[in-house]
Amino acid sequence: MQSNKYNDLLDRLENEELEQVELGAEVYQQLLAIYLYQNKLANAKLLWMRIPDKLKEDKELLHLNQLNVALQNNNFAEFFQKIRYDWSECVKPAMEDLLVKQREDLLTLAGNAYVSIYQNNLLKMAQMTEDELKNAASALDWTRELNGDDVIWLPKAKETPPTGGNDDQLLKLTEFVTFLEN
Protein backbone atom coordinates (compact mmCIF):
# COMPACT_ATOMS: atom_id res chain seq x y z
CA MET A 1 0.00 0.00 0.00
CA GLN A 2 1.37 3.37 -0.92
CA SER A 3 1.89 5.84 1.89
CA ASN A 4 1.11 8.74 -0.44
CA LYS A 5 -2.04 7.15 -1.84
CA TYR A 6 -4.32 9.98 -0.74
CA ASN A 7 -1.86 12.90 -0.90
CA ASP A 8 -3.47 14.64 -3.90
CA LEU A 9 -6.92 14.45 -2.36
CA LEU A 10 -5.53 15.62 0.98
CA ASP A 11 -3.86 18.65 -0.61
CA ARG A 12 -7.07 19.58 -2.42
CA LEU A 13 -9.17 19.24 0.75
CA GLU A 14 -6.72 21.20 2.88
CA ASN A 15 -6.71 24.02 0.30
CA GLU A 16 -10.48 23.93 0.21
CA GLU A 17 -10.55 24.24 4.00
CA LEU A 18 -8.29 27.29 3.84
CA GLU A 19 -10.16 28.99 1.02
CA GLN A 20 -13.79 28.30 1.94
CA VAL A 21 -15.64 30.04 4.76
CA GLU A 22 -18.14 27.30 5.53
CA LEU A 23 -17.56 23.69 4.69
CA GLY A 24 -19.86 20.73 4.87
CA ALA A 25 -19.33 17.71 7.06
CA GLU A 26 -18.21 15.66 4.05
CA VAL A 27 -14.96 17.62 3.65
CA TYR A 28 -14.11 17.19 7.32
CA GLN A 29 -15.00 13.49 7.14
CA GLN A 30 -12.62 12.97 4.24
CA LEU A 31 -9.85 14.96 5.93
CA LEU A 32 -10.21 12.99 9.17
CA ALA A 33 -10.27 9.68 7.31
CA ILE A 34 -7.11 10.50 5.37
CA TYR A 35 -5.30 11.73 8.47
CA LEU A 36 -6.18 8.48 10.21
CA TYR A 37 -5.03 6.42 7.22
CA GLN A 38 -1.73 8.31 7.08
CA ASN A 39 -1.32 7.95 10.85
CA LYS A 40 -1.30 11.74 11.32
CA LEU A 41 -3.16 11.51 14.61
CA ALA A 42 -2.10 14.94 15.85
CA ASN A 43 -3.43 16.51 12.64
CA ALA A 44 -6.71 14.64 13.10
CA LYS A 45 -6.99 15.87 16.67
CA LEU A 46 -6.30 19.47 15.65
CA LEU A 47 -8.79 19.18 12.80
CA TRP A 48 -11.42 17.97 15.28
CA MET A 49 -10.79 21.09 17.36
CA ARG A 50 -11.26 23.30 14.26
CA ILE A 51 -14.53 21.72 13.18
CA PRO A 52 -17.51 23.98 13.99
CA ASP A 53 -19.61 22.74 16.92
CA LYS A 54 -22.74 22.41 14.82
CA LEU A 55 -20.95 19.93 12.51
CA LYS A 56 -19.53 17.88 15.40
CA GLU A 57 -23.02 16.44 15.87
CA ASP A 58 -22.61 14.51 12.60
CA LYS A 59 -22.57 10.79 13.47
CA GLU A 60 -19.84 9.92 11.03
CA LEU A 61 -17.58 12.72 12.26
CA LEU A 62 -18.14 11.56 15.84
CA HIS A 63 -17.29 8.02 14.83
CA LEU A 64 -14.11 9.14 13.06
CA ASN A 65 -13.06 11.07 16.15
CA GLN A 66 -13.65 7.98 18.30
CA LEU A 67 -11.35 6.04 15.97
CA ASN A 68 -8.72 8.74 16.39
CA VAL A 69 -8.98 8.56 20.18
CA ALA A 70 -8.68 4.76 20.09
CA LEU A 71 -5.57 4.97 17.89
CA GLN A 72 -4.01 7.65 20.11
CA ASN A 73 -4.53 5.40 23.13
CA ASN A 74 -3.23 2.32 21.25
CA ASN A 75 -6.51 0.59 22.02
CA PHE A 76 -6.68 -1.87 19.14
CA ALA A 77 -9.74 -3.73 20.41
CA GLU A 78 -11.79 -0.52 20.60
CA PHE A 79 -10.46 0.64 17.24
CA PHE A 80 -11.48 -2.58 15.48
CA GLN A 81 -14.93 -2.45 17.07
CA LYS A 82 -15.48 1.17 16.07
CA ILE A 83 -14.25 0.79 12.48
CA ARG A 84 -17.08 -1.66 11.77
CA TYR A 85 -19.51 1.00 10.67
CA ASP A 86 -21.59 1.72 7.59
CA TRP A 87 -19.34 4.45 6.17
CA SER A 88 -20.49 6.90 3.52
CA GLU A 89 -19.04 6.55 0.04
CA CYS A 90 -16.70 9.52 0.46
CA VAL A 91 -14.71 7.88 3.29
CA LYS A 92 -15.35 4.17 2.69
CA PRO A 93 -12.18 3.52 0.60
CA ALA A 94 -9.94 5.22 3.17
CA MET A 95 -11.60 3.31 6.02
CA GLU A 96 -11.18 -0.02 4.24
CA ASP A 97 -7.51 0.76 3.60
CA LEU A 98 -7.09 1.86 7.23
CA LEU A 99 -8.60 -1.41 8.47
CA VAL A 100 -6.20 -3.47 6.35
CA LYS A 101 -3.23 -1.34 7.39
CA GLN A 102 -4.04 -1.49 11.11
CA ARG A 103 -4.55 -5.26 10.99
CA GLU A 104 -1.16 -5.65 9.30
CA ASP A 105 0.43 -3.41 11.93
CA LEU A 106 -1.22 -5.34 14.76
CA LEU A 107 -0.10 -8.71 13.43
CA THR A 108 3.43 -7.41 12.84
CA LEU A 109 3.52 -6.02 16.37
CA ALA A 110 2.22 -9.28 17.84
CA GLY A 111 4.72 -11.25 15.77
CA ASN A 112 7.60 -9.14 17.07
CA ALA A 113 6.42 -9.10 20.67
CA TYR A 114 5.30 -12.70 21.23
CA VAL A 115 6.77 -16.12 20.68
CA SER A 116 3.25 -17.56 20.65
CA ILE A 117 -0.24 -16.16 20.97
CA TYR A 118 -3.61 -17.81 21.41
CA GLN A 119 -5.95 -17.54 18.45
CA ASN A 120 -8.89 -16.39 20.59
CA ASN A 121 -6.80 -13.45 21.87
CA LEU A 122 -5.90 -12.42 18.32
CA LEU A 123 -9.48 -12.80 17.15
CA LYS A 124 -10.74 -10.67 20.01
CA MET A 125 -8.08 -8.02 19.55
CA ALA A 126 -8.27 -7.73 15.74
CA GLN A 127 -12.01 -8.40 15.42
CA MET A 128 -11.31 -10.84 12.60
CA THR A 129 -13.00 -14.03 11.52
CA GLU A 130 -11.06 -17.27 11.82
CA ASP A 131 -10.66 -17.47 8.04
CA GLU A 132 -9.31 -13.90 7.86
CA LEU A 133 -6.83 -14.69 10.62
CA LYS A 134 -5.75 -17.93 8.93
CA ASN A 135 -5.12 -16.08 5.67
CA ALA A 136 -3.24 -13.24 7.35
CA ALA A 137 -1.16 -15.58 9.50
CA SER A 138 -0.24 -17.82 6.57
CA ALA A 139 0.80 -14.72 4.59
CA LEU A 140 3.21 -13.94 7.44
CA ASP A 141 4.48 -17.56 7.55
CA TRP A 142 3.12 -18.16 11.04
CA THR A 143 2.65 -21.76 12.12
CA ARG A 144 -0.29 -23.17 13.97
CA GLU A 145 -0.29 -25.54 16.95
CA LEU A 146 -3.05 -27.14 18.96
CA ASN A 147 -3.02 -27.13 22.74
CA GLY A 148 -6.02 -29.27 23.54
CA ASP A 149 -8.95 -27.34 22.08
CA ASP A 150 -7.00 -24.07 21.89
CA VAL A 151 -5.20 -22.93 18.76
CA ILE A 152 -1.85 -21.23 19.26
CA TRP A 153 -0.17 -19.21 16.54
CA LEU A 154 3.62 -19.16 16.43
CA PRO A 155 5.03 -16.15 14.57
CA LYS A 156 7.97 -16.74 12.29
CA ALA A 157 11.15 -16.39 14.32
CA LYS A 158 13.13 -13.30 13.44
CA GLU A 159 16.87 -13.69 13.12
CA THR A 160 18.80 -11.19 15.18
CA PRO A 161 21.51 -9.42 13.22
CA PRO A 162 25.05 -9.93 14.47
CA THR A 163 26.19 -7.19 16.80
CA GLY A 164 29.50 -6.66 15.04
CA GLY A 165 31.66 -7.00 18.14
CA ASN A 166 30.97 -4.40 20.78
CA ASP A 167 34.51 -4.83 22.13
CA ASP A 168 35.96 -3.93 18.72
CA GLN A 169 33.80 -0.82 18.50
CA LEU A 170 34.77 0.21 22.03
CA LEU A 171 38.46 -0.27 21.21
CA LYS A 172 38.13 1.87 18.05
CA LEU A 173 36.32 4.57 19.98
CA THR A 174 38.98 4.57 22.69
CA GLU A 175 41.74 4.86 20.09
CA PHE A 176 39.90 7.72 18.38
CA VAL A 177 39.45 9.64 21.64
CA THR A 178 43.12 9.09 22.50
CA PHE A 179 44.08 10.36 19.05
CA LEU A 180 41.94 13.49 19.52
CA GLU A 181 43.43 14.22 22.95
CA ASN A 182 47.02 14.04 21.67
Foldseek 3Di string as FASTA:
>chain_A
DDLCPCVVVLVVLVVCVVPDDDDALLSLLLNLLNCLLNVVLVVNVVSLVVDDPVRCVDPSNVLSVQLSVCVVVVQQLSNLVSLPDDDDPSRVVSSVSSLVVVLLVVVVVCQVPDQKDWPVVNCNRSVDDPVVVVVSQVVQVWDWDDDDPIIMIGGDDDDDDDPPDPPVVVVVVVVVVVVVVD
